[in-house]
PDB file of N, CA and C in Angstrom:
ATOM      1  N   MET A   1     -18.849   2.214  -3.431  1.00  0.00           N
ATOM      2  CA  MET A   1     -17.505   2.399  -2.922  1.00  0.00           C
ATOM      3  C   MET A   1     -16.703   1.138  -3.200  1.00  0.00           C
ATOM      4  N   ILE A   2     -15.435   1.334  -3.507  1.00  0.00           N
ATOM      5  CA  ILE A   2     -14.509   0.219  -3.720  1.00  0.00           C
ATOM      6  C   ILE A   2     -13.452   0.251  -2.623  1.00  0.00           C
ATOM      7  N   LYS A   3     -13.241  -0.886  -2.014  1.00  0.00           N
ATOM      8  CA  LYS A   3     -12.169  -1.021  -1.022  1.00  0.00           C
ATOM      9  C   LYS A   3     -11.012  -1.756  -1.692  1.00  0.00           C
ATOM     10  N   HIS A   4      -9.827  -1.227  -1.488  1.00  0.00           N
ATOM     11  CA  HIS A   4      -8.597  -1.715  -2.134  1.00  0.00           C
ATOM     12  C   HIS A   4      -7.615  -2.044  -1.025  1.00  0.00           C
ATOM     13  N   ILE A   5      -7.260  -3.310  -0.923  1.00  0.00           N
ATOM     14  CA  ILE A   5      -6.348  -3.770   0.125  1.00  0.00           C
ATOM     15  C   ILE A   5      -5.146  -4.429  -0.534  1.00  0.00           C
ATOM     16  N   VAL A   6      -3.961  -3.990  -0.130  1.00  0.00           N
ATOM     17  CA  VAL A   6      -2.721  -4.552  -0.655  1.00  0.00           C
ATOM     18  C   VAL A   6      -1.845  -4.934   0.528  1.00  0.00           C
ATOM     19  N   MET A   7      -1.226  -6.111   0.453  1.00  0.00           N
ATOM     20  CA  MET A   7      -0.311  -6.566   1.499  1.00  0.00           C
ATOM     21  C   MET A   7       1.020  -6.936   0.864  1.00  0.00           C
ATOM     22  N   TRP A   8       2.089  -6.561   1.535  1.00  0.00           N
ATOM     23  CA  TRP A   8       3.427  -6.831   1.032  1.00  0.00           C
ATOM     24  C   TRP A   8       4.268  -7.567   2.063  1.00  0.00           C
ATOM     25  N   ASN A   9       5.162  -8.400   1.568  1.00  0.00           N
ATOM     26  CA  ASN A   9       6.309  -8.874   2.334  1.00  0.00           C
ATOM     27  C   ASN A   9       7.504  -8.161   1.735  1.00  0.00           C
ATOM     28  N   LEU A  10       8.373  -7.668   2.603  1.00  0.00           N
ATOM     29  CA  LEU A  10       9.463  -6.813   2.170  1.00  0.00           C
ATOM     30  C   LEU A  10      10.815  -7.482   2.324  1.00  0.00           C
ATOM     31  N   LEU A  11      11.750  -6.984   1.531  1.00  0.00           N
ATOM     32  CA  LEU A  11      13.131  -7.445   1.630  1.00  0.00           C
ATOM     33  C   LEU A  11      13.748  -6.952   2.926  1.00  0.00           C
ATOM     34  N   GLY A  12      14.732  -7.696   3.388  1.00  0.00           N
ATOM     35  CA  GLY A  12      15.485  -7.298   4.581  1.00  0.00           C
ATOM     36  C   GLY A  12      16.228  -8.495   5.125  1.00  0.00           C
ATOM     37  N   ASP A  13      17.511  -8.313   5.366  1.00  0.00           N
ATOM     38  CA  ASP A  13      18.328  -9.409   5.898  1.00  0.00           C
ATOM     39  C   ASP A  13      18.124  -9.609   7.389  1.00  0.00           C
ATOM     40  N   ASN A  14      17.515  -8.622   8.050  1.00  0.00           N
ATOM     41  CA  ASN A  14      17.247  -8.734   9.484  1.00  0.00           C
ATOM     42  C   ASN A  14      16.014  -7.892   9.813  1.00  0.00           C
ATOM     43  N   ALA A  15      15.555  -7.987  11.045  1.00  0.00           N
ATOM     44  CA  ALA A  15      14.324  -7.297  11.448  1.00  0.00           C
ATOM     45  C   ALA A  15      14.450  -5.782  11.317  1.00  0.00           C
ATOM     46  N   GLU A  16      15.616  -5.244  11.613  1.00  0.00           N
ATOM     47  CA  GLU A  16      15.812  -3.795  11.532  1.00  0.00           C
ATOM     48  C   GLU A  16      15.724  -3.300  10.086  1.00  0.00           C
ATOM     49  N   GLU A  17      16.319  -4.041   9.162  1.00  0.00           N
ATOM     50  CA  GLU A  17      16.272  -3.647   7.755  1.00  0.00           C
ATOM     51  C   GLU A  17      14.846  -3.733   7.217  1.00  0.00           C
ATOM     52  N   LYS A  18      14.127  -4.790   7.591  1.00  0.00           N
ATOM     53  CA  LYS A  18      12.730  -4.911   7.173  1.00  0.00           C
ATOM     54  C   LYS A  18      11.905  -3.751   7.741  1.00  0.00           C
ATOM     55  N   GLN A  19      12.170  -3.398   8.977  1.00  0.00           N
ATOM     56  CA  GLN A  19      11.435  -2.298   9.611  1.00  0.00           C
ATOM     57  C   GLN A  19      11.716  -0.971   8.900  1.00  0.00           C
ATOM     58  N   ARG A  20      12.963  -0.719   8.521  1.00  0.00           N
ATOM     59  CA  ARG A  20      13.307   0.499   7.780  1.00  0.00           C
ATOM     60  C   ARG A  20      12.574   0.530   6.434  1.00  0.00           C
ATOM     61  N   ASN A  21      12.547  -0.601   5.748  1.00  0.00           N
ATOM     62  CA  ASN A  21      11.847  -0.671   4.468  1.00  0.00           C
ATOM     63  C   ASN A  21      10.344  -0.468   4.649  1.00  0.00           C
ATOM     64  N   ALA A  22       9.790  -1.020   5.725  1.00  0.00           N
ATOM     65  CA  ALA A  22       8.363  -0.845   6.003  1.00  0.00           C
ATOM     66  C   ALA A  22       8.055   0.628   6.279  1.00  0.00           C
ATOM     67  N   GLN A  23       8.895   1.293   7.040  1.00  0.00           N
ATOM     68  CA  GLN A  23       8.694   2.716   7.339  1.00  0.00           C
ATOM     69  C   GLN A  23       8.807   3.553   6.064  1.00  0.00           C
ATOM     70  N   ARG A  24       9.729   3.190   5.206  1.00  0.00           N
ATOM     71  CA  ARG A  24       9.891   3.900   3.925  1.00  0.00           C
ATOM     72  C   ARG A  24       8.627   3.754   3.071  1.00  0.00           C
ATOM     73  N   LEU A  25       8.096   2.537   2.983  1.00  0.00           N
ATOM     74  CA  LEU A  25       6.875   2.294   2.217  1.00  0.00           C
ATOM     75  C   LEU A  25       5.708   3.069   2.830  1.00  0.00           C
ATOM     76  N   LYS A  26       5.587   3.022   4.131  1.00  0.00           N
ATOM     77  CA  LYS A  26       4.502   3.727   4.831  1.00  0.00           C
ATOM     78  C   LYS A  26       4.550   5.221   4.537  1.00  0.00           C
ATOM     79  N   ALA A  27       5.697   5.827   4.663  1.00  0.00           N
ATOM     80  CA  ALA A  27       5.831   7.264   4.427  1.00  0.00           C
ATOM     81  C   ALA A  27       5.499   7.628   2.982  1.00  0.00           C
ATOM     82  N   ALA A  28       5.933   6.813   2.044  1.00  0.00           N
ATOM     83  CA  ALA A  28       5.688   7.103   0.630  1.00  0.00           C
ATOM     84  C   ALA A  28       4.202   7.084   0.310  1.00  0.00           C
ATOM     85  N   PHE A  29       3.482   6.090   0.787  1.00  0.00           N
ATOM     86  CA  PHE A  29       2.058   6.003   0.482  1.00  0.00           C
ATOM     87  C   PHE A  29       1.239   7.020   1.268  1.00  0.00           C
ATOM     88  N   GLU A  30       1.619   7.310   2.491  1.00  0.00           N
ATOM     89  CA  GLU A  30       0.869   8.298   3.267  1.00  0.00           C
ATOM     90  C   GLU A  30       0.926   9.670   2.611  1.00  0.00           C
ATOM     91  N   GLY A  31       1.968   9.933   1.861  1.00  0.00           N
ATOM     92  CA  GLY A  31       2.090  11.199   1.170  1.00  0.00           C
ATOM     93  C   GLY A  31       1.106  11.368   0.020  1.00  0.00           C
ATOM     94  N   LEU A  32       0.420  10.304  -0.375  1.00  0.00           N
ATOM     95  CA  LEU A  32      -0.523  10.387  -1.494  1.00  0.00           C
ATOM     96  C   LEU A  32      -1.841  11.043  -1.103  1.00  0.00           C
ATOM     97  N   GLY A  33      -2.251  10.862   0.147  1.00  0.00           N
ATOM     98  CA  GLY A  33      -3.494  11.378   0.691  1.00  0.00           C
ATOM     99  C   GLY A  33      -4.392  12.177  -0.225  1.00  0.00           C
ATOM    100  N   ALA A  34      -4.292  13.493  -0.200  1.00  0.00           N
ATOM    101  CA  ALA A  34      -5.199  14.388  -0.922  1.00  0.00           C
ATOM    102  C   ALA A  34      -4.811  14.581  -2.390  1.00  0.00           C
ATOM    103  N   ARG A  35      -3.793  13.919  -2.857  1.00  0.00           N
ATOM    104  CA  ARG A  35      -3.327  14.111  -4.228  1.00  0.00           C
ATOM    105  C   ARG A  35      -4.072  13.267  -5.257  1.00  0.00           C
ATOM    106  N   ILE A  36      -4.856  12.314  -4.820  1.00  0.00           N
ATOM    107  CA  ILE A  36      -5.521  11.383  -5.732  1.00  0.00           C
ATOM    108  C   ILE A  36      -7.022  11.643  -5.741  1.00  0.00           C
ATOM    109  N   PRO A  37      -7.580  12.100  -6.863  1.00  0.00           N
ATOM    110  CA  PRO A  37      -9.027  12.304  -6.939  1.00  0.00           C
ATOM    111  C   PRO A  37      -9.779  10.983  -6.722  1.00  0.00           C
ATOM    112  N   GLY A  38     -10.845  11.051  -5.940  1.00  0.00           N
ATOM    113  CA  GLY A  38     -11.662   9.868  -5.702  1.00  0.00           C
ATOM    114  C   GLY A  38     -11.168   8.968  -4.589  1.00  0.00           C
ATOM    115  N   LEU A  39      -9.991   9.256  -4.042  1.00  0.00           N
ATOM    116  CA  LEU A  39      -9.465   8.489  -2.912  1.00  0.00           C
ATOM    117  C   LEU A  39     -10.072   9.058  -1.635  1.00  0.00           C
ATOM    118  N   LEU A  40     -10.872   8.255  -0.952  1.00  0.00           N
ATOM    119  CA  LEU A  40     -11.587   8.713   0.229  1.00  0.00           C
ATOM    120  C   LEU A  40     -10.814   8.473   1.512  1.00  0.00           C
ATOM    121  N   ARG A  41     -10.057   7.390   1.545  1.00  0.00           N
ATOM    122  CA  ARG A  41      -9.337   7.013   2.768  1.00  0.00           C
ATOM    123  C   ARG A  41      -8.144   6.167   2.390  1.00  0.00           C
ATOM    124  N   LEU A  42      -7.032   6.383   3.081  1.00  0.00           N
ATOM    125  CA  LEU A  42      -5.841   5.572   2.872  1.00  0.00           C
ATOM    126  C   LEU A  42      -5.163   5.379   4.219  1.00  0.00           C
ATOM    127  N   GLU A  43      -4.901   4.131   4.543  1.00  0.00           N
ATOM    128  CA  GLU A  43      -4.266   3.794   5.819  1.00  0.00           C
ATOM    129  C   GLU A  43      -3.208   2.734   5.563  1.00  0.00           C
ATOM    130  N   ILE A  44      -2.059   2.893   6.200  1.00  0.00           N
ATOM    131  CA  ILE A  44      -0.972   1.914   6.086  1.00  0.00           C
ATOM    132  C   ILE A  44      -0.727   1.337   7.473  1.00  0.00           C
ATOM    133  N   GLY A  45      -0.668   0.013   7.564  1.00  0.00           N
ATOM    134  CA  GLY A  45      -0.390  -0.641   8.833  1.00  0.00           C
ATOM    135  C   GLY A  45       0.837  -1.525   8.731  1.00  0.00           C
ATOM    136  N   LEU A  46       1.643  -1.489   9.775  1.00  0.00           N
ATOM    137  CA  LEU A  46       2.829  -2.342   9.867  1.00  0.00           C
ATOM    138  C   LEU A  46       2.514  -3.491  10.814  1.00  0.00           C
ATOM    139  N   ASP A  47       2.831  -4.705  10.407  1.00  0.00           N
ATOM    140  CA  ASP A  47       2.511  -5.890  11.202  1.00  0.00           C
ATOM    141  C   ASP A  47       3.195  -5.847  12.559  1.00  0.00           C
ATOM    142  N   VAL A  48       2.436  -6.132  13.594  1.00  0.00           N
ATOM    143  CA  VAL A  48       2.997  -6.237  14.944  1.00  0.00           C
ATOM    144  C   VAL A  48       2.894  -7.656  15.487  1.00  0.00           C
ATOM    145  N   SER A  49       2.247  -8.551  14.734  1.00  0.00           N
ATOM    146  CA  SER A  49       2.037  -9.917  15.229  1.00  0.00           C
ATOM    147  C   SER A  49       3.313 -10.745  15.211  1.00  0.00           C
ATOM    148  N   ARG A  50       4.117 -10.520  14.192  1.00  0.00           N
ATOM    149  CA  ARG A  50       5.373 -11.257  14.002  1.00  0.00           C
ATOM    150  C   ARG A  50       5.175 -12.761  13.800  1.00  0.00           C
ATOM    151  N   VAL A  51       3.946 -13.180  13.440  1.00  0.00           N
ATOM    152  CA  VAL A  51       3.756 -14.588  13.113  1.00  0.00           C
ATOM    153  C   VAL A  51       4.384 -14.847  11.752  1.00  0.00           C
ATOM    154  N   ASP A  52       4.867 -16.051  11.535  1.00  0.00           N
ATOM    155  CA  ASP A  52       5.657 -16.332  10.328  1.00  0.00           C
ATOM    156  C   ASP A  52       4.862 -16.230   9.027  1.00  0.00           C
ATOM    157  N   TYR A  53       3.551 -16.328   9.077  1.00  0.00           N
ATOM    158  CA  TYR A  53       2.760 -16.269   7.853  1.00  0.00           C
ATOM    159  C   TYR A  53       2.161 -14.882   7.591  1.00  0.00           C
ATOM    160  N   ALA A  54       2.430 -13.912   8.460  1.00  0.00           N
ATOM    161  CA  ALA A  54       1.880 -12.565   8.286  1.00  0.00           C
ATOM    162  C   ALA A  54       2.655 -11.778   7.233  1.00  0.00           C
ATOM    163  N   CYS A  55       1.975 -10.860   6.580  1.00  0.00           N
ATOM    164  CA  CYS A  55       2.651  -9.912   5.693  1.00  0.00           C
ATOM    165  C   CYS A  55       3.244  -8.801   6.552  1.00  0.00           C
ATOM    166  N   ASP A  56       4.212  -8.097   5.995  1.00  0.00           N
ATOM    167  CA  ASP A  56       4.894  -7.042   6.742  1.00  0.00           C
ATOM    168  C   ASP A  56       4.105  -5.740   6.795  1.00  0.00           C
ATOM    169  N   VAL A  57       3.405  -5.414   5.707  1.00  0.00           N
ATOM    170  CA  VAL A  57       2.707  -4.131   5.593  1.00  0.00           C
ATOM    171  C   VAL A  57       1.374  -4.352   4.883  1.00  0.00           C
ATOM    172  N   VAL A  58       0.362  -3.595   5.301  1.00  0.00           N
ATOM    173  CA  VAL A  58      -0.931  -3.612   4.626  1.00  0.00           C
ATOM    174  C   VAL A  58      -1.332  -2.179   4.293  1.00  0.00           C
ATOM    175  N   LEU A  59      -1.919  -2.012   3.108  1.00  0.00           N
ATOM    176  CA  LEU A  59      -2.512  -0.750   2.697  1.00  0.00           C
ATOM    177  C   LEU A  59      -4.008  -0.979   2.604  1.00  0.00           C
ATOM    178  N   TYR A  60      -4.765  -0.141   3.286  1.00  0.00           N
ATOM    179  CA  TYR A  60      -6.220  -0.182   3.210  1.00  0.00           C
ATOM    180  C   TYR A  60      -6.670   1.149   2.635  1.00  0.00           C
ATOM    181  N   SER A  61      -7.437   1.105   1.555  1.00  0.00           N
ATOM    182  CA  SER A  61      -7.914   2.353   0.970  1.00  0.00           C
ATOM    183  C   SER A  61      -9.337   2.184   0.466  1.00  0.00           C
ATOM    184  N   GLU A  62     -10.022   3.321   0.392  1.00  0.00           N
ATOM    185  CA  GLU A  62     -11.394   3.361  -0.100  1.00  0.00           C
ATOM    186  C   GLU A  62     -11.471   4.387  -1.222  1.00  0.00           C
ATOM    187  N   PHE A  63     -12.170   4.018  -2.298  1.00  0.00           N
ATOM    188  CA  PHE A  63     -12.345   4.877  -3.457  1.00  0.00           C
ATOM    189  C   PHE A  63     -13.822   5.087  -3.726  1.00  0.00           C
ATOM    190  N   GLU A  64     -14.144   6.241  -4.283  1.00  0.00           N
ATOM    191  CA  GLU A  64     -15.536   6.565  -4.611  1.00  0.00           C
ATOM    192  C   GLU A  64     -16.167   5.542  -5.540  1.00  0.00           C
ATOM    193  N   SER A  65     -15.363   5.035  -6.471  1.00  0.00           N
ATOM    194  CA  SER A  65     -15.904   4.157  -7.495  1.00  0.00           C
ATOM    195  C   SER A  65     -14.786   3.295  -8.082  1.00  0.00           C
ATOM    196  N   ARG A  66     -15.201   2.338  -8.877  1.00  0.00           N
ATOM    197  CA  ARG A  66     -14.241   1.502  -9.590  1.00  0.00           C
ATOM    198  C   ARG A  66     -13.401   2.359 -10.544  1.00  0.00           C
ATOM    199  N   GLN A  67     -14.025   3.348 -11.156  1.00  0.00           N
ATOM    200  CA  GLN A  67     -13.312   4.245 -12.076  1.00  0.00           C
ATOM    201  C   GLN A  67     -12.236   5.038 -11.326  1.00  0.00           C
ATOM    202  N   ALA A  68     -12.531   5.464 -10.107  1.00  0.00           N
ATOM    203  CA  ALA A  68     -11.548   6.196  -9.308  1.00  0.00           C
ATOM    204  C   ALA A  68     -10.357   5.296  -8.978  1.00  0.00           C
ATOM    205  N   LEU A  69     -10.619   4.020  -8.666  1.00  0.00           N
ATOM    206  CA  LEU A  69      -9.530   3.079  -8.404  1.00  0.00           C
ATOM    207  C   LEU A  69      -8.697   2.859  -9.662  1.00  0.00           C
ATOM    208  N   GLU A  70      -9.361   2.715 -10.801  1.00  0.00           N
ATOM    209  CA  GLU A  70      -8.630   2.531 -12.056  1.00  0.00           C
ATOM    210  C   GLU A  70      -7.774   3.753 -12.383  1.00  0.00           C
ATOM    211  N   ALA A  71      -8.294   4.948 -12.116  1.00  0.00           N
ATOM    212  CA  ALA A  71      -7.530   6.178 -12.360  1.00  0.00           C
ATOM    213  C   ALA A  71      -6.333   6.258 -11.421  1.00  0.00           C
ATOM    214  N   TYR A  72      -6.498   5.806 -10.183  1.00  0.00           N
ATOM    215  CA  TYR A  72      -5.402   5.779  -9.206  1.00  0.00           C
ATOM    216  C   TYR A  72      -4.247   4.917  -9.702  1.00  0.00           C
ATOM    217  N   ALA A  73      -4.570   3.795 -10.315  1.00  0.00           N
ATOM    218  CA  ALA A  73      -3.526   2.874 -10.784  1.00  0.00           C
ATOM    219  C   ALA A  73      -2.560   3.550 -11.746  1.00  0.00           C
ATOM    220  N   ASP A  74      -3.062   4.489 -12.542  1.00  0.00           N
ATOM    221  CA  ASP A  74      -2.228   5.176 -13.525  1.00  0.00           C
ATOM    222  C   ASP A  74      -1.910   6.620 -13.161  1.00  0.00           C
ATOM    223  N   HIS A  75      -2.294   7.047 -11.982  1.00  0.00           N
ATOM    224  CA  HIS A  75      -2.057   8.438 -11.575  1.00  0.00           C
ATOM    225  C   HIS A  75      -0.552   8.679 -11.424  1.00  0.00           C
ATOM    226  N   PRO A  76      -0.049   9.801 -11.911  1.00  0.00           N
ATOM    227  CA  PRO A  76       1.396  10.076 -11.851  1.00  0.00           C
ATOM    228  C   PRO A  76       1.993   9.999 -10.439  1.00  0.00           C
ATOM    229  N   GLU A  77       1.259  10.434  -9.433  1.00  0.00           N
ATOM    230  CA  GLU A  77       1.789  10.367  -8.056  1.00  0.00           C
ATOM    231  C   GLU A  77       1.903   8.920  -7.578  1.00  0.00           C
ATOM    232  N   HIS A  78       0.909   8.101  -7.917  1.00  0.00           N
ATOM    233  CA  HIS A  78       0.972   6.686  -7.547  1.00  0.00           C
ATOM    234  C   HIS A  78       2.119   5.995  -8.278  1.00  0.00           C
ATOM    235  N   LEU A  79       2.274   6.300  -9.553  1.00  0.00           N
ATOM    236  CA  LEU A  79       3.374   5.702 -10.327  1.00  0.00           C
ATOM    237  C   LEU A  79       4.730   6.142  -9.779  1.00  0.00           C
ATOM    238  N   ARG A  80       4.827   7.390  -9.323  1.00  0.00           N
ATOM    239  CA  ARG A  80       6.069   7.878  -8.720  1.00  0.00           C
ATOM    240  C   ARG A  80       6.412   7.074  -7.464  1.00  0.00           C
ATOM    241  N   VAL A  81       5.414   6.848  -6.620  1.00  0.00           N
ATOM    242  CA  VAL A  81       5.632   6.072  -5.392  1.00  0.00           C
ATOM    243  C   VAL A  81       6.049   4.644  -5.740  1.00  0.00           C
ATOM    244  N   ARG A  82       5.399   4.050  -6.712  1.00  0.00           N
ATOM    245  CA  ARG A  82       5.763   2.679  -7.116  1.00  0.00           C
ATOM    246  C   ARG A  82       7.220   2.614  -7.581  1.00  0.00           C
ATOM    247  N   ARG A  83       7.635   3.597  -8.382  1.00  0.00           N
ATOM    248  CA  ARG A  83       9.040   3.623  -8.840  1.00  0.00           C
ATOM    249  C   ARG A  83       9.998   3.815  -7.672  1.00  0.00           C
ATOM    250  N   GLU A  84       9.630   4.687  -6.758  1.00  0.00           N
ATOM    251  CA  GLU A  84      10.455   4.981  -5.589  1.00  0.00           C
ATOM    252  C   GLU A  84      10.673   3.740  -4.723  1.00  0.00           C
ATOM    253  N   LEU A  85       9.695   2.853  -4.711  1.00  0.00           N
ATOM    254  CA  LEU A  85       9.750   1.681  -3.836  1.00  0.00           C
ATOM    255  C   LEU A  85      10.152   0.391  -4.562  1.00  0.00           C
ATOM    256  N   GLU A  86      10.493   0.491  -5.839  1.00  0.00           N
ATOM    257  CA  GLU A  86      10.905  -0.702  -6.585  1.00  0.00           C
ATOM    258  C   GLU A  86      12.049  -1.406  -5.863  1.00  0.00           C
ATOM    259  N   GLY A  87      11.954  -2.724  -5.840  1.00  0.00           N
ATOM    260  CA  GLY A  87      13.005  -3.523  -5.228  1.00  0.00           C
ATOM    261  C   GLY A  87      12.852  -3.747  -3.739  1.00  0.00           C
ATOM    262  N   LEU A  88      11.812  -3.202  -3.117  1.00  0.00           N
ATOM    263  CA  LEU A  88      11.618  -3.397  -1.673  1.00  0.00           C
ATOM    264  C   LEU A  88      10.793  -4.629  -1.337  1.00  0.00           C
ATOM    265  N   ARG A  89       9.977  -5.083  -2.271  1.00  0.00           N
ATOM    266  CA  ARG A  89       9.039  -6.146  -1.927  1.00  0.00           C
ATOM    267  C   ARG A  89       9.510  -7.509  -2.398  1.00  0.00           C
ATOM    268  N   ILE A  90       9.095  -8.502  -1.641  1.00  0.00           N
ATOM    269  CA  ILE A  90       9.301  -9.896  -2.015  1.00  0.00           C
ATOM    270  C   ILE A  90       8.023 -10.400  -2.682  1.00  0.00           C
ATOM    271  N   THR A  91       6.896 -10.127  -2.024  1.00  0.00           N
ATOM    272  CA  THR A  91       5.594 -10.535  -2.553  1.00  0.00           C
ATOM    273  C   THR A  91       4.582  -9.413  -2.364  1.00  0.00           C
ATOM    274  N   ARG A  92       3.506  -9.494  -3.148  1.00  0.00           N
ATOM    275  CA  ARG A  92       2.421  -8.515  -3.074  1.00  0.00           C
ATOM    276  C   ARG A  92       1.109  -9.261  -3.278  1.00  0.00           C
ATOM    277  N   HIS A  93       0.142  -8.972  -2.419  1.00  0.00           N
ATOM    278  CA  HIS A  93      -1.194  -9.560  -2.523  1.00  0.00           C
ATOM    279  C   HIS A  93      -2.191  -8.417  -2.572  1.00  0.00           C
ATOM    280  N   GLN A  94      -3.265  -8.596  -3.334  1.00  0.00           N
ATOM    281  CA  GLN A  94      -4.249  -7.524  -3.488  1.00  0.00           C
ATOM    282  C   GLN A  94      -5.645  -8.093  -3.525  1.00  0.00           C
ATOM    283  N   VAL A  95      -6.573  -7.345  -2.904  1.00  0.00           N
ATOM    284  CA  VAL A  95      -8.003  -7.632  -2.986  1.00  0.00           C
ATOM    285  C   VAL A  95      -8.723  -6.300  -3.179  1.00  0.00           C
ATOM    286  N   ASP A  96      -9.599  -6.246  -4.179  1.00  0.00           N
ATOM    287  CA  ASP A  96     -10.481  -5.107  -4.403  1.00  0.00           C
ATOM    288  C   ASP A  96     -11.904  -5.627  -4.319  1.00  0.00           C
ATOM    289  N   PHE A  97     -12.757  -4.910  -3.566  1.00  0.00           N
ATOM    290  CA  PHE A  97     -14.138  -5.362  -3.491  1.00  0.00           C
ATOM    291  C   PHE A  97     -15.079  -4.185  -3.317  1.00  0.00           C
ATOM    292  N   GLU A  98     -16.301  -4.371  -3.795  1.00  0.00           N
ATOM    293  CA  GLU A  98     -17.322  -3.345  -3.695  1.00  0.00           C
ATOM    294  C   GLU A  98     -17.982  -3.429  -2.331  1.00  0.00           C
ATOM    295  N   SER A  99     -18.287  -2.247  -1.801  1.00  0.00           N
ATOM    296  CA  SER A  99     -18.934  -2.161  -0.497  1.00  0.00           C
ATOM    297  C   SER A  99     -20.032  -1.112  -0.580  1.00  0.00           C
ATOM    298  N   PRO A 100     -21.190  -1.406  -0.034  1.00  0.00           N
ATOM    299  CA  PRO A 100     -22.298  -0.427  -0.124  1.00  0.00           C
ATOM    300  C   PRO A 100     -21.989   0.862   0.616  1.00  0.00           C
TER     301      PRO A 100
END
């Protein structure tokens, strides 16, 4: 199994705008659920800590295999979501790791 974690900081001139952008990102990715072969689990979390070094949103997902994760990267639904959300992020961090 491969675990895929992505964290974003989002654009927003104030807390309300950042929150709207976070909700938009959350809704877009949650819609992927059963549309991606090999995707076992997908969860989106919005930061509640409000510490200055925290990211705004985290995506946690699990894939059957490395090949399933690679296929997800180019899957038309994933690419659609990425296009839909262009311009929302300031930064993006990613970690992929194998888990028994």
